[in-house]
C-alpha atoms as a PDB file:
ATOM      1  CA  MET A   1     -44.666  23.747 -68.797  1.00  0.00           C
ATOM      2  CA  LYS A   2     -41.659  25.425 -70.425  1.00  0.00           C
ATOM      3  CA  LYS A   3     -43.987  27.582 -72.553  1.00  0.00           C
ATOM      4  CA  ASN A   4     -45.878  28.769 -69.475  1.00  0.00           C
ATOM      5  CA  LEU A   5     -42.645  29.575 -67.659  1.00  0.00           C
ATOM      6  CA  MET A   6     -41.324  31.590 -70.579  1.00  0.00           C
ATOM      7  CA  MET A   7     -44.640  33.488 -70.908  1.00  0.00           C
ATOM      8  CA  THR A   8     -44.637  34.293 -67.183  1.00  0.00           C
ATOM      9  CA  ALA A   9     -41.027  35.481 -67.319  1.00  0.00           C
ATOM     10  CA  THR A  10     -41.750  37.644 -70.337  1.00  0.00           C
ATOM     11  CA  MET A  11     -44.761  39.249 -68.617  1.00  0.00           C
ATOM     12  CA  LEU A  12     -42.749  39.879 -65.480  1.00  0.00           C
ATOM     13  CA  ILE A  13     -39.937  41.543 -67.427  1.00  0.00           C
ATOM     14  CA  PHE A  14     -42.476  43.652 -69.286  1.00  0.00           C
ATOM     15  CA  ALA A  15     -44.204  44.696 -66.028  1.00  0.00           C
ATOM     16  CA  VAL A  16     -40.931  45.670 -64.389  1.00  0.00           C
ATOM     17  CA  ALA A  17     -39.706  47.522 -67.433  1.00  0.00           C
ATOM     18  CA  THR A  18     -42.896  49.531 -67.846  1.00  0.00           C
ATOM     19  CA  SER A  19     -43.725  50.230 -64.206  1.00  0.00           C
ATOM     20  CA  PRO A  20     -42.225  53.758 -64.246  1.00  0.00           C
ATOM     21  CA  VAL A  21     -44.419  54.585 -67.324  1.00  0.00           C
ATOM     22  CA  TRP A  22     -47.580  53.452 -65.496  1.00  0.00           C
ATOM     23  CA  ALA A  23     -46.499  55.349 -62.400  1.00  0.00           C
ATOM     24  CA  GLU A  24     -46.026  58.535 -64.410  1.00  0.00           C
ATOM     25  CA  GLY A  25     -49.806  58.811 -64.798  1.00  0.00           C
ATOM     26  CA  ALA A  26     -50.245  58.624 -61.041  1.00  0.00           C
ATOM     27  CA  ALA A  27     -47.456  61.108 -60.438  1.00  0.00           C
ATOM     28  CA  GLY A  28     -48.890  63.765 -62.698  1.00  0.00           C
ATOM     29  CA  LYS A  29     -46.507  66.631 -63.318  1.00  0.00           C
ATOM     30  CA  ALA A  30     -44.059  65.704 -60.574  1.00  0.00           C
ATOM     31  CA  ALA A  31     -40.307  65.796 -60.723  1.00  0.00           C
ATOM     32  CA  ASP A  32     -38.362  63.313 -62.863  1.00  0.00           C
ATOM     33  CA  GLY A  33     -37.254  61.230 -59.864  1.00  0.00           C
ATOM     34  CA  SER A  34     -40.802  60.670 -58.689  1.00  0.00           C
ATOM     35  CA  VAL A  35     -41.638  58.448 -61.703  1.00  0.00           C
ATOM     36  CA  TRP A  36     -38.889  56.040 -60.691  1.00  0.00           C
ATOM     37  CA  PHE A  37     -39.897  56.378 -57.057  1.00  0.00           C
ATOM     38  CA  PHE A  38     -43.485  55.326 -57.746  1.00  0.00           C
ATOM     39  CA  GLY A  39     -42.417  52.557 -60.095  1.00  0.00           C
ATOM     40  CA  LEU A  40     -39.947  51.086 -57.608  1.00  0.00           C
ATOM     41  CA  THR A  41     -42.483  51.467 -54.788  1.00  0.00           C
ATOM     42  CA  ILE A  42     -44.931  49.337 -56.732  1.00  0.00           C
ATOM     43  CA  LEU A  43     -42.219  46.828 -57.427  1.00  0.00           C
ATOM     44  CA  GLY A  44     -41.210  46.748 -53.745  1.00  0.00           C
ATOM     45  CA  ALA A  45     -44.798  46.215 -52.624  1.00  0.00           C
ATOM     46  CA  GLY A  46     -45.210  43.411 -55.085  1.00  0.00           C
ATOM     47  CA  LEU A  47     -42.002  41.734 -53.916  1.00  0.00           C
ATOM     48  CA  ALA A  48     -43.009  42.106 -50.305  1.00  0.00           C
ATOM     49  CA  MET A  49     -46.294  40.302 -50.919  1.00  0.00           C
ATOM     50  CA  GLY A  50     -44.796  37.717 -53.271  1.00  0.00           C
ATOM     51  CA  LEU A  51     -41.913  36.704 -51.077  1.00  0.00           C
ATOM     52  CA  GLY A  52     -44.020  36.921 -47.932  1.00  0.00           C
ATOM     53  CA  THR A  53     -46.672  34.622 -49.235  1.00  0.00           C
ATOM     54  CA  VAL A  54     -44.213  32.155 -50.796  1.00  0.00           C
ATOM     55  CA  GLY A  55     -42.430  31.813 -47.485  1.00  0.00           C
ATOM     56  CA  THR A  56     -45.599  31.328 -45.512  1.00  0.00           C
ATOM     57  CA  GLY A  57     -46.965  28.854 -48.099  1.00  0.00           C
ATOM     58  CA  VAL A  58     -43.839  26.711 -47.741  1.00  0.00           C
ATOM     59  CA  GLY A  59     -43.995  26.968 -43.940  1.00  0.00           C
ATOM     60  CA  MET A  60     -47.645  25.962 -43.852  1.00  0.00           C
ATOM     61  CA  GLY A  61     -47.083  23.032 -46.132  1.00  0.00           C
ATOM     62  CA  ASN A  62     -44.235  21.751 -44.004  1.00  0.00           C
ATOM     63  CA  THR A  63     -46.274  22.214 -40.830  1.00  0.00           C
ATOM     64  CA  VAL A  64     -49.307  20.364 -42.118  1.00  0.00           C
ATOM     65  CA  GLY A  65     -47.174  17.591 -43.586  1.00  0.00           C
ATOM     66  CA  LYS A  66     -45.281  17.005 -40.341  1.00  0.00           C
ATOM     67  CA  ALA A  67     -48.467  17.170 -38.316  1.00  0.00           C
ATOM     68  CA  LEU A  68     -50.061  14.515 -40.562  1.00  0.00           C
ATOM     69  CA  GLU A  69     -47.014  12.285 -40.169  1.00  0.00           C
ATOM     70  CA  ALA A  70     -47.182  12.675 -36.409  1.00  0.00           C
ATOM     71  CA  MET A  71     -50.932  11.888 -36.355  1.00  0.00           C
ATOM     72  CA  ALA A  72     -50.306   8.773 -38.477  1.00  0.00           C
ATOM     73  CA  ARG A  73     -47.637   7.507 -36.068  1.00  0.00           C
ATOM     74  CA  GLN A  74     -49.546   8.342 -32.880  1.00  0.00           C
ATOM     75  CA  PRO A  75     -53.308   8.443 -33.495  1.00  0.00           C
ATOM     76  CA  GLU A  76     -54.070   8.792 -29.778  1.00  0.00           C
ATOM     77  CA  MET A  77     -52.320  12.197 -29.750  1.00  0.00           C
ATOM     78  CA  MET A  78     -54.376  13.488 -32.684  1.00  0.00           C
ATOM     79  CA  GLY A  79     -56.232  16.194 -30.733  1.00  0.00           C
ATOM     80  CA  THR A  80     -53.106  17.670 -29.173  1.00  0.00           C
ATOM     81  CA  ILE A  81     -51.146  17.606 -32.396  1.00  0.00           C
ATOM     82  CA  GLN A  82     -54.045  19.185 -34.348  1.00  0.00           C
ATOM     83  CA  THR A  83     -54.463  21.981 -31.790  1.00  0.00           C
ATOM     84  CA  ASN A  84     -50.757  22.771 -31.811  1.00  0.00           C
ATOM     85  CA  MET A  85     -50.767  22.643 -35.637  1.00  0.00           C
ATOM     86  CA  PHE A  86     -53.574  25.250 -35.858  1.00  0.00           C
ATOM     87  CA  ILE A  87     -51.833  27.527 -33.385  1.00  0.00           C
ATOM     88  CA  GLY A  88     -48.638  27.249 -35.426  1.00  0.00           C
ATOM     89  CA  LEU A  89     -50.571  27.941 -38.678  1.00  0.00           C
ATOM     90  CA  ALA A  90     -52.008  31.091 -37.130  1.00  0.00           C
ATOM     91  CA  PHE A  91     -48.475  32.312 -36.287  1.00  0.00           C
ATOM     92  CA  ILE A  92     -47.240  31.494 -39.789  1.00  0.00           C
ATOM     93  CA  GLU A  93     -50.195  33.276 -41.374  1.00  0.00           C
ATOM     94  CA  SER A  94     -49.451  36.355 -39.319  1.00  0.00           C
ATOM     95  CA  LEU A  95     -46.208  36.704 -41.297  1.00  0.00           C
ATOM     96  CA  ALA A  96     -48.196  37.013 -44.510  1.00  0.00           C
ATOM     97  CA  ILE A  97     -50.378  39.634 -42.840  1.00  0.00           C
ATOM     98  CA  TYR A  98     -47.229  41.581 -41.890  1.00  0.00           C
ATOM     99  CA  ALA A  99     -46.073  41.437 -45.537  1.00  0.00           C
ATOM    100  CA  LEU A 100     -49.485  42.767 -46.562  1.00  0.00           C
ATOM    101  CA  ALA A 101     -49.161  45.622 -44.047  1.00  0.00           C
ATOM    102  CA  VAL A 102     -45.710  46.528 -45.353  1.00  0.00           C
ATOM    103  CA  ALA A 103     -47.039  46.478 -48.944  1.00  0.00           C
ATOM    104  CA  MET A 104     -50.004  48.689 -48.023  1.00  0.00           C
ATOM    105  CA  ILE A 105     -47.751  51.163 -46.204  1.00  0.00           C
ATOM    106  CA  LEU A 106     -45.446  51.329 -49.248  1.00  0.00           C
ATOM    107  CA  LEU A 107     -48.368  51.942 -51.602  1.00  0.00           C
ATOM    108  CA  TYR A 108     -50.610  54.296 -49.601  1.00  0.00           C
ATOM    109  CA  ALA A 109     -48.624  55.894 -46.714  1.00  0.00           C
ATOM    110  CA  ASN A 110     -45.065  55.839 -47.960  1.00  0.00           C
ATOM    111  CA  PRO A 111     -42.884  57.650 -45.392  1.00  0.00           C
ATOM    112  CA  PHE A 112     -40.295  58.523 -48.057  1.00  0.00           C
ATOM    113  CA  LYS A 113     -42.679  60.249 -50.473  1.00  0.00           C
ATOM    114  CA  SER A 114     -41.796  63.683 -49.165  1.00  0.00           C
ATOM    115  CA  LEU A 115     -38.149  63.144 -50.226  1.00  0.00           C
ATOM    116  CA  PHE A 116     -39.091  62.618 -53.917  1.00  0.00           C
ATOM    117  CA  ILE A 117     -42.200  64.756 -54.425  1.00  0.00           C
ATOM    118  CA  ALA A 118     -42.193  68.496 -53.806  1.00  0.00           C
ATOM    119  CA  GLY A 119     -45.305  70.030 -52.317  1.00  0.00           C
END
């Protein structure tokens, strides 16, 4: 477990450290600041998706766990609890979809691109 954690941390540090280099190919012959802009945009999109999905995963786990506890205590209310659980899961999942939308906007339709790239 410790070896896997160290390997993941090393890969993450490498990805963050080299993201401006990879973004330089996409930027072409743009200004110096655009390399950092593209690198940090990629990092921001990744963090938006990562944090958004971690939060929704924890929320969904808590929701399903509490619903199962409630169904075990009151089996006659199973249908109502299950319906309400699925509605709640849909609302929780919408937060992950919002995080995906933010990440896609950052990557493909960044409103700040004109500030860093001339032309």
